[in-house]
Protein backbone atom coordinates (compact mmCIF):
# COMPACT_ATOMS: atom_id res chain seq x y z
CA MET A 1 -0.02 0.00 0.13
CA ALA A 2 1.18 3.62 -0.99
CA GLY A 3 2.21 6.21 1.88
CA GLY A 4 -0.23 8.81 2.81
CA ASP A 5 0.68 11.70 0.29
CA ASP A 6 1.59 9.34 -2.53
CA PHE A 7 -1.64 7.79 -2.49
CA TYR A 8 -3.87 10.80 -2.87
CA SER A 9 -1.51 12.66 -5.27
CA ARG A 10 -0.81 10.26 -8.01
CA ASP A 11 -4.37 10.71 -9.61
CA ARG A 12 -4.57 14.52 -9.09
CA PRO A 13 -4.02 17.06 -12.02
CA ASP A 14 -1.01 19.47 -11.85
CA GLU A 15 -3.62 22.33 -10.91
CA PRO A 16 -6.28 20.66 -8.74
CA ARG A 17 -8.05 24.08 -7.98
CA LEU A 18 -11.17 24.36 -10.06
CA ALA A 19 -12.63 27.59 -11.22
CA GLU A 20 -15.68 28.76 -9.26
CA ASP A 21 -18.83 27.90 -11.20
CA ARG A 22 -21.19 29.54 -8.94
CA PRO A 23 -19.76 33.26 -8.11
CA ARG A 24 -21.11 34.71 -4.67
CA GLY A 25 -22.96 37.93 -4.15
CA HIS A 26 -23.90 40.59 -6.82
CA GLY A 27 -22.23 43.78 -7.52
CA PRO A 28 -24.00 46.87 -8.76
CA GLU A 29 -23.53 45.98 -12.22
CA GLN A 30 -25.31 42.57 -11.83
CA ARG A 31 -28.89 43.44 -10.89
CA PRO A 32 -31.53 41.01 -10.83
CA ALA A 33 -34.27 41.20 -13.58
CA THR A 34 -36.98 41.68 -11.21
CA GLY A 35 -35.64 44.90 -9.36
CA HIS A 36 -38.71 47.02 -10.03
CA ARG A 37 -41.33 44.55 -9.35
CA HIS A 38 -42.15 46.12 -5.93
CA VAL A 39 -42.86 49.52 -7.53
CA TRP A 40 -45.46 47.98 -9.75
CA ILE A 41 -47.10 46.12 -6.72
CA TRP A 42 -47.50 49.31 -4.87
CA TRP A 43 -48.90 51.06 -7.80
CA LEU A 44 -51.36 48.21 -8.27
CA VAL A 45 -52.38 48.32 -4.50
CA LEU A 46 -53.04 52.05 -4.59
CA ALA A 47 -55.22 51.66 -7.72
CA ALA A 48 -57.20 49.09 -5.85
CA ILE A 49 -57.45 51.22 -2.78
CA ILE A 50 -58.82 54.10 -4.99
CA LEU A 51 -61.27 51.93 -6.83
CA ILE A 52 -62.63 50.58 -3.43
CA LEU A 53 -63.09 53.80 -1.99
CA PHE A 54 -64.51 55.07 -5.26
CA PHE A 55 -67.22 52.35 -5.26
CA ILE A 56 -68.04 52.69 -1.46
CA PHE A 57 -68.72 56.42 -1.69
CA ILE A 58 -70.70 56.82 -4.98
């Protein structure tokens, strides 16, 4: 049986570190596509409240 370091190093490539395939975090240049969704939600909520008040007080 091979010694400790020799056993694990014989099948390893010369550069065993892999490039990271899942970068962590987002910078200011990488914004998610749904960044302005909350603005539209608040506009819809406001429109619904106005319509409800309109139909109550007519």
